[in-house]
Amino acid sequence: MSGAQGAGDRSDLASRPSWVDAPRIFISYRRDDSEGHTGRLYDALASRFGDEQVFMDIDTIPLGVDFARVITEAVASCDVLIAVIGRDWLTLADSTGRRRIDSPDDFVRLEIKAVIYFQGSFRQSKRQSLS
């Protein structure tokens, strides 16, 4: 980036070829650990790629919708998953004192597990199609 072009300059977007689609980005985080940082990350990514390209649960999932289903579908369709891991991400505990990450129902665990599963399925189907 040249000295004349600042971080807020969006001229690079205008020069991007029209055939380049913006990536679908999923942000995984723990509210108790990194909500403020993640909010700023969301704002920056949404400014760069558009709100519709960035998935963050609190801004994207309407009330009354099946949270787990929406998360799974969003992870399955993302191009990039960004896991925001703060200082307490691994050690945050539930009301019984058990680490959240150890719970099979932990949404962050499910998000990361889902992206690993979908990436593996995609690679396997791609290898089979190339054979």
N, C-alpha and C. Protein backbone atom coordinates (compact mmCIF):
# COMPACT_ATOMS: atom_id res chain seq x y z
N MET A 1 0.85 -1.17 0.00
CA MET A 1 0.00 0.00 0.00
C MET A 1 0.89 1.22 0.00
N SER A 2 0.62 2.17 -0.84
CA SER A 2 1.44 3.37 -0.92
C SER A 2 1.14 4.29 0.25
N GLY A 3 2.05 5.22 0.50
CA GLY A 3 1.88 6.15 1.60
C GLY A 3 0.66 7.04 1.42
N ALA A 4 0.26 7.30 0.17
CA ALA A 4 -0.88 8.17 -0.09
C ALA A 4 -2.20 7.45 0.13
N GLN A 5 -2.17 6.14 0.15
CA GLN A 5 -3.40 5.37 0.30
C GLN A 5 -3.54 4.93 1.74
N GLY A 6 -4.54 5.47 2.46
CA GLY A 6 -4.72 5.16 3.87
C GLY A 6 -5.56 3.91 4.07
N ALA A 7 -5.66 3.50 5.33
CA ALA A 7 -6.42 2.29 5.68
C ALA A 7 -7.89 2.45 5.35
N GLY A 8 -8.40 3.69 5.38
CA GLY A 8 -9.82 3.90 5.10
C GLY A 8 -10.12 4.03 3.62
N ASP A 9 -9.12 4.08 2.77
CA ASP A 9 -9.30 4.24 1.33
C ASP A 9 -9.86 2.96 0.73
N ARG A 10 -10.95 3.06 -0.01
CA ARG A 10 -11.59 1.89 -0.60
C ARG A 10 -11.41 1.84 -2.12
N SER A 11 -10.43 2.56 -2.65
CA SER A 11 -10.20 2.56 -4.09
C SER A 11 -9.80 1.19 -4.60
N ASP A 12 -9.21 0.35 -3.72
CA ASP A 12 -8.81 -0.99 -4.13
C ASP A 12 -10.03 -1.85 -4.45
N LEU A 13 -11.18 -1.56 -3.83
CA LEU A 13 -12.40 -2.31 -4.13
C LEU A 13 -12.89 -2.02 -5.54
N ALA A 14 -12.80 -0.77 -5.94
CA ALA A 14 -13.27 -0.39 -7.26
C ALA A 14 -12.42 -1.02 -8.36
N SER A 15 -11.14 -1.25 -8.08
CA SER A 15 -10.25 -1.81 -9.09
C SER A 15 -10.28 -3.34 -9.13
N ARG A 16 -10.99 -3.95 -8.19
CA ARG A 16 -11.07 -5.42 -8.15
C ARG A 16 -11.93 -5.91 -9.30
N PRO A 17 -11.51 -6.96 -10.00
CA PRO A 17 -12.31 -7.46 -11.12
C PRO A 17 -13.72 -7.86 -10.67
N SER A 18 -14.71 -7.62 -11.53
CA SER A 18 -16.10 -7.90 -11.17
C SER A 18 -16.35 -9.39 -10.97
N TRP A 19 -15.52 -10.27 -11.53
CA TRP A 19 -15.74 -11.70 -11.39
C TRP A 19 -15.26 -12.24 -10.05
N VAL A 20 -14.57 -11.40 -9.27
CA VAL A 20 -14.09 -11.84 -7.96
C VAL A 20 -15.21 -11.64 -6.94
N ASP A 21 -15.73 -12.74 -6.42
CA ASP A 21 -16.76 -12.65 -5.40
C ASP A 21 -16.12 -12.39 -4.05
N ALA A 22 -16.81 -11.62 -3.23
CA ALA A 22 -16.34 -11.40 -1.87
C ALA A 22 -16.49 -12.71 -1.10
N PRO A 23 -15.55 -13.01 -0.23
CA PRO A 23 -15.65 -14.25 0.55
C PRO A 23 -16.77 -14.17 1.57
N ARG A 24 -17.34 -15.31 1.88
CA ARG A 24 -18.32 -15.41 2.97
C ARG A 24 -17.52 -15.71 4.23
N ILE A 25 -17.62 -14.83 5.20
CA ILE A 25 -16.78 -14.90 6.39
C ILE A 25 -17.65 -15.19 7.62
N PHE A 26 -17.23 -16.17 8.40
CA PHE A 26 -17.92 -16.54 9.64
C PHE A 26 -16.99 -16.19 10.80
N ILE A 27 -17.51 -15.44 11.78
CA ILE A 27 -16.71 -15.08 12.95
C ILE A 27 -17.19 -15.91 14.14
N SER A 28 -16.30 -16.71 14.69
CA SER A 28 -16.57 -17.53 15.87
C SER A 28 -15.86 -16.90 17.06
N TYR A 29 -16.57 -16.73 18.17
CA TYR A 29 -15.98 -16.07 19.34
C TYR A 29 -16.80 -16.40 20.58
N ARG A 30 -16.23 -16.08 21.73
CA ARG A 30 -16.95 -16.19 23.01
C ARG A 30 -17.25 -14.77 23.48
N ARG A 31 -18.52 -14.48 23.71
CA ARG A 31 -18.91 -13.13 24.15
C ARG A 31 -18.18 -12.74 25.42
N ASP A 32 -18.10 -13.67 26.38
CA ASP A 32 -17.47 -13.36 27.67
C ASP A 32 -15.97 -13.10 27.54
N ASP A 33 -15.40 -13.47 26.43
CA ASP A 33 -13.96 -13.42 26.26
C ASP A 33 -13.51 -12.28 25.34
N SER A 34 -14.27 -12.03 24.28
CA SER A 34 -13.73 -11.11 23.26
C SER A 34 -14.81 -10.35 22.49
N GLU A 35 -15.95 -10.09 23.12
CA GLU A 35 -17.05 -9.44 22.40
C GLU A 35 -16.67 -8.09 21.81
N GLY A 36 -15.99 -7.26 22.58
CA GLY A 36 -15.62 -5.93 22.09
C GLY A 36 -14.69 -5.98 20.89
N HIS A 37 -13.65 -6.80 20.98
CA HIS A 37 -12.70 -6.94 19.87
C HIS A 37 -13.41 -7.52 18.64
N THR A 38 -14.27 -8.49 18.88
CA THR A 38 -14.96 -9.14 17.77
C THR A 38 -15.92 -8.17 17.09
N GLY A 39 -16.56 -7.32 17.87
CA GLY A 39 -17.44 -6.30 17.28
C GLY A 39 -16.70 -5.37 16.34
N ARG A 40 -15.51 -4.97 16.75
CA ARG A 40 -14.70 -4.10 15.89
C ARG A 40 -14.20 -4.85 14.65
N LEU A 41 -13.86 -6.12 14.82
CA LEU A 41 -13.47 -6.95 13.68
C LEU A 41 -14.63 -7.06 12.69
N TYR A 42 -15.83 -7.33 13.21
CA TYR A 42 -17.02 -7.42 12.35
C TYR A 42 -17.20 -6.12 11.58
N ASP A 43 -17.14 -4.98 12.28
CA ASP A 43 -17.32 -3.68 11.61
C ASP A 43 -16.32 -3.50 10.48
N ALA A 44 -15.06 -3.84 10.72
CA ALA A 44 -14.02 -3.68 9.70
C ALA A 44 -14.27 -4.60 8.50
N LEU A 45 -14.61 -5.86 8.78
CA LEU A 45 -14.86 -6.80 7.68
C LEU A 45 -16.12 -6.44 6.90
N ALA A 46 -17.17 -6.03 7.61
CA ALA A 46 -18.42 -5.64 6.94
C ALA A 46 -18.20 -4.40 6.09
N SER A 47 -17.37 -3.49 6.56
CA SER A 47 -17.05 -2.29 5.78
C SER A 47 -16.30 -2.67 4.51
N ARG A 48 -15.43 -3.63 4.60
CA ARG A 48 -14.59 -4.04 3.47
C ARG A 48 -15.34 -4.93 2.48
N PHE A 49 -16.12 -5.92 3.00
CA PHE A 49 -16.74 -6.92 2.14
C PHE A 49 -18.26 -6.81 2.04
N GLY A 50 -18.88 -6.05 2.93
CA GLY A 50 -20.33 -5.91 2.95
C GLY A 50 -20.95 -6.72 4.08
N ASP A 51 -21.98 -6.16 4.70
CA ASP A 51 -22.64 -6.82 5.84
C ASP A 51 -23.12 -8.23 5.50
N GLU A 52 -23.62 -8.40 4.29
CA GLU A 52 -24.20 -9.69 3.89
C GLU A 52 -23.14 -10.79 3.75
N GLN A 53 -21.88 -10.41 3.69
CA GLN A 53 -20.80 -11.40 3.54
C GLN A 53 -20.20 -11.85 4.86
N VAL A 54 -20.55 -11.16 5.96
CA VAL A 54 -19.93 -11.44 7.26
C VAL A 54 -21.00 -11.96 8.21
N PHE A 55 -20.77 -13.15 8.75
CA PHE A 55 -21.71 -13.77 9.67
C PHE A 55 -21.16 -13.70 11.09
N MET A 56 -21.92 -13.02 11.95
CA MET A 56 -21.62 -13.00 13.37
C MET A 56 -22.95 -13.16 14.08
N ASP A 57 -23.08 -14.17 14.89
CA ASP A 57 -24.36 -14.57 15.45
C ASP A 57 -25.23 -13.44 15.98
N ILE A 58 -24.68 -12.59 16.78
CA ILE A 58 -25.51 -11.57 17.43
C ILE A 58 -26.10 -10.58 16.43
N ASP A 59 -25.42 -10.36 15.32
CA ASP A 59 -25.91 -9.43 14.31
C ASP A 59 -26.68 -10.11 13.19
N THR A 60 -26.64 -11.42 13.12
CA THR A 60 -27.17 -12.11 11.95
C THR A 60 -28.39 -12.99 12.25
N ILE A 61 -28.47 -13.56 13.44
CA ILE A 61 -29.54 -14.52 13.74
C ILE A 61 -30.70 -13.81 14.43
N PRO A 62 -31.88 -13.82 13.79
CA PRO A 62 -33.04 -13.19 14.42
C PRO A 62 -33.54 -14.00 15.62
N LEU A 63 -34.24 -13.35 16.52
CA LEU A 63 -34.80 -14.02 17.69
C LEU A 63 -35.80 -15.08 17.26
N GLY A 64 -35.84 -16.19 17.99
CA GLY A 64 -36.81 -17.25 17.73
C GLY A 64 -36.40 -18.26 16.68
N VAL A 65 -35.25 -18.09 16.08
CA VAL A 65 -34.78 -18.99 15.03
C VAL A 65 -33.91 -20.08 15.68
N ASP A 66 -33.92 -21.28 15.11
CA ASP A 66 -33.10 -22.39 15.62
C ASP A 66 -31.63 -22.03 15.45
N PHE A 67 -31.00 -21.64 16.55
CA PHE A 67 -29.63 -21.16 16.56
C PHE A 67 -28.67 -22.19 15.98
N ALA A 68 -28.77 -23.43 16.44
CA ALA A 68 -27.84 -24.49 16.00
C ALA A 68 -27.96 -24.72 14.49
N ARG A 69 -29.16 -24.72 13.96
CA ARG A 69 -29.36 -24.95 12.52
C ARG A 69 -28.76 -23.80 11.70
N VAL A 70 -29.01 -22.58 12.14
CA VAL A 70 -28.49 -21.42 11.41
C VAL A 70 -26.96 -21.41 11.44
N ILE A 71 -26.38 -21.72 12.60
CA ILE A 71 -24.91 -21.77 12.73
C ILE A 71 -24.33 -22.82 11.78
N THR A 72 -24.93 -24.01 11.78
CA THR A 72 -24.43 -25.10 10.93
C THR A 72 -24.49 -24.71 9.46
N GLU A 73 -25.60 -24.13 9.03
CA GLU A 73 -25.74 -23.70 7.64
C GLU A 73 -24.74 -22.60 7.29
N ALA A 74 -24.54 -21.66 8.21
CA ALA A 74 -23.60 -20.57 7.95
C ALA A 74 -22.17 -21.09 7.84
N VAL A 75 -21.81 -22.00 8.74
CA VAL A 75 -20.46 -22.58 8.69
C VAL A 75 -20.27 -23.36 7.40
N ALA A 76 -21.29 -24.12 7.01
CA ALA A 76 -21.19 -24.93 5.79
C ALA A 76 -21.00 -24.08 4.55
N SER A 77 -21.53 -22.87 4.56
CA SER A 77 -21.45 -22.04 3.36
C SER A 77 -20.34 -20.99 3.41
N CYS A 78 -19.56 -20.97 4.48
CA CYS A 78 -18.52 -19.94 4.57
C CYS A 78 -17.27 -20.33 3.79
N ASP A 79 -16.55 -19.31 3.36
CA ASP A 79 -15.25 -19.51 2.71
C ASP A 79 -14.13 -19.41 3.74
N VAL A 80 -14.39 -18.63 4.79
CA VAL A 80 -13.40 -18.38 5.82
C VAL A 80 -14.08 -18.40 7.17
N LEU A 81 -13.50 -19.08 8.15
CA LEU A 81 -13.95 -18.99 9.53
C LEU A 81 -12.82 -18.37 10.33
N ILE A 82 -13.13 -17.27 11.00
CA ILE A 82 -12.16 -16.62 11.87
C ILE A 82 -12.56 -16.95 13.30
N ALA A 83 -11.70 -17.64 14.02
CA ALA A 83 -11.93 -17.94 15.43
C ALA A 83 -11.17 -16.91 16.26
N VAL A 84 -11.92 -16.08 16.97
CA VAL A 84 -11.31 -15.07 17.82
C VAL A 84 -11.09 -15.72 19.18
N ILE A 85 -9.83 -15.90 19.54
CA ILE A 85 -9.47 -16.60 20.77
C ILE A 85 -8.78 -15.61 21.71
N GLY A 86 -9.50 -15.27 22.77
CA GLY A 86 -8.97 -14.35 23.77
C GLY A 86 -8.29 -15.11 24.89
N ARG A 87 -7.92 -14.37 25.90
CA ARG A 87 -7.16 -14.96 27.01
C ARG A 87 -7.92 -16.05 27.76
N ASP A 88 -9.24 -15.91 27.86
CA ASP A 88 -10.03 -16.86 28.65
C ASP A 88 -10.82 -17.84 27.78
N TRP A 89 -10.60 -17.84 26.49
CA TRP A 89 -11.37 -18.66 25.55
C TRP A 89 -11.40 -20.13 25.96
N LEU A 90 -10.26 -20.66 26.33
CA LEU A 90 -10.15 -22.08 26.66
C LEU A 90 -10.63 -22.39 28.08
N THR A 91 -10.51 -21.45 28.98
CA THR A 91 -10.77 -21.74 30.39
C THR A 91 -12.14 -21.29 30.89
N LEU A 92 -12.90 -20.55 30.10
CA LEU A 92 -14.23 -20.13 30.56
C LEU A 92 -15.06 -21.35 30.92
N ALA A 93 -15.75 -21.27 32.06
CA ALA A 93 -16.49 -22.41 32.59
C ALA A 93 -17.99 -22.13 32.63
N ASP A 94 -18.76 -23.21 32.62
CA ASP A 94 -20.22 -23.08 32.75
C ASP A 94 -20.59 -22.99 34.23
N SER A 95 -21.87 -23.05 34.54
CA SER A 95 -22.33 -22.87 35.93
C SER A 95 -21.89 -24.02 36.86
N THR A 96 -21.48 -25.15 36.29
CA THR A 96 -21.03 -26.29 37.11
C THR A 96 -19.51 -26.29 37.29
N GLY A 97 -18.83 -25.34 36.66
CA GLY A 97 -17.38 -25.29 36.76
C GLY A 97 -16.65 -26.03 35.64
N ARG A 98 -17.39 -26.67 34.76
CA ARG A 98 -16.80 -27.40 33.63
C ARG A 98 -16.43 -26.41 32.52
N ARG A 99 -15.25 -26.62 31.93
CA ARG A 99 -14.85 -25.75 30.81
C ARG A 99 -15.89 -25.87 29.71
N ARG A 100 -16.29 -24.74 29.14
CA ARG A 100 -17.30 -24.75 28.08
C ARG A 100 -16.85 -25.57 26.87
N ILE A 101 -15.59 -25.45 26.51
CA ILE A 101 -15.08 -26.16 25.33
C ILE A 101 -15.21 -27.67 25.47
N ASP A 102 -15.28 -28.17 26.71
CA ASP A 102 -15.42 -29.61 26.94
C ASP A 102 -16.85 -30.10 26.79
N SER A 103 -17.80 -29.18 26.71
CA SER A 103 -19.20 -29.56 26.57
C SER A 103 -19.52 -29.83 25.10
N PRO A 104 -20.17 -30.98 24.81
CA PRO A 104 -20.53 -31.26 23.42
C PRO A 104 -21.55 -30.26 22.86
N ASP A 105 -22.21 -29.49 23.74
CA ASP A 105 -23.21 -28.51 23.30
C ASP A 105 -22.65 -27.09 23.20
N ASP A 106 -21.36 -26.92 23.42
CA ASP A 106 -20.74 -25.60 23.35
C ASP A 106 -20.76 -25.11 21.90
N PHE A 107 -21.35 -23.94 21.68
CA PHE A 107 -21.50 -23.45 20.31
C PHE A 107 -20.17 -23.17 19.62
N VAL A 108 -19.21 -22.65 20.34
CA VAL A 108 -17.89 -22.40 19.74
C VAL A 108 -17.27 -23.72 19.31
N ARG A 109 -17.36 -24.72 20.16
CA ARG A 109 -16.84 -26.06 19.81
C ARG A 109 -17.56 -26.59 18.56
N LEU A 110 -18.88 -26.44 18.54
CA LEU A 110 -19.66 -26.93 17.39
C LEU A 110 -19.30 -26.19 16.10
N GLU A 111 -19.07 -24.88 16.20
CA GLU A 111 -18.69 -24.11 15.01
C GLU A 111 -17.37 -24.59 14.43
N ILE A 112 -16.39 -24.75 15.29
CA ILE A 112 -15.06 -25.17 14.82
C ILE A 112 -15.09 -26.61 14.32
N LYS A 113 -15.81 -27.46 15.03
CA LYS A 113 -15.96 -28.86 14.60
C LYS A 113 -16.65 -28.92 13.23
N ALA A 114 -17.68 -28.10 13.05
CA ALA A 114 -18.42 -28.10 11.78
C ALA A 114 -17.54 -27.65 10.62
N VAL A 115 -16.74 -26.60 10.82
CA VAL A 115 -15.90 -26.13 9.71
C VAL A 115 -14.85 -27.18 9.36
N ILE A 116 -14.32 -27.88 10.36
CA ILE A 116 -13.36 -28.94 10.08
C ILE A 116 -14.04 -30.07 9.31
N TYR A 117 -15.25 -30.43 9.71
CA TYR A 117 -16.00 -31.48 9.02
C TYR A 117 -16.30 -31.09 7.57
N PHE A 118 -16.82 -29.87 7.38
CA PHE A 118 -17.19 -29.45 6.03
C PHE A 118 -15.97 -29.30 5.13
N GLN A 119 -14.87 -28.82 5.68
CA GLN A 119 -13.65 -28.72 4.88
C GLN A 119 -13.17 -30.11 4.47
N GLY A 120 -13.22 -31.07 5.39
CA GLY A 120 -12.82 -32.44 5.07
C GLY A 120 -13.72 -33.06 4.02
N SER A 121 -15.03 -32.84 4.14
CA SER A 121 -15.98 -33.38 3.16
C SER A 121 -15.75 -32.75 1.79
N PHE A 122 -15.48 -31.44 1.76
CA PHE A 122 -15.24 -30.75 0.50
C PHE A 122 -13.98 -31.30 -0.17
N ARG A 123 -12.92 -31.44 0.60
CA ARG A 123 -11.66 -31.95 0.02
C ARG A 123 -11.82 -33.37 -0.49
N GLN A 124 -12.54 -34.20 0.26
CA GLN A 124 -12.74 -35.58 -0.16
C GLN A 124 -13.55 -35.62 -1.45
N SER A 125 -14.62 -34.82 -1.55
CA SER A 125 -15.43 -34.86 -2.76
C SER A 125 -14.65 -34.29 -3.94
N LYS A 126 -13.80 -33.30 -3.70
CA LYS A 126 -12.97 -32.73 -4.77
C LYS A 126 -11.97 -33.77 -5.27
N ARG A 127 -11.33 -34.52 -4.34
CA ARG A 127 -10.38 -35.56 -4.75
C ARG A 127 -11.09 -36.63 -5.57
N GLN A 128 -12.29 -37.02 -5.16
CA GLN A 128 -13.02 -38.06 -5.88
C GLN A 128 -13.42 -37.57 -7.29
N SER A 129 -13.76 -36.28 -7.41
CA SER A 129 -14.16 -35.75 -8.71
C SER A 129 -12.96 -35.66 -9.66
N LEU A 130 -11.77 -35.53 -9.11
CA LEU A 130 -10.56 -35.42 -9.93
C LEU A 130 -10.04 -36.80 -10.36
N SER A 131 -10.52 -37.85 -9.71
CA SER A 131 -10.03 -39.20 -10.01
C SER A 131 -10.62 -39.71 -11.30
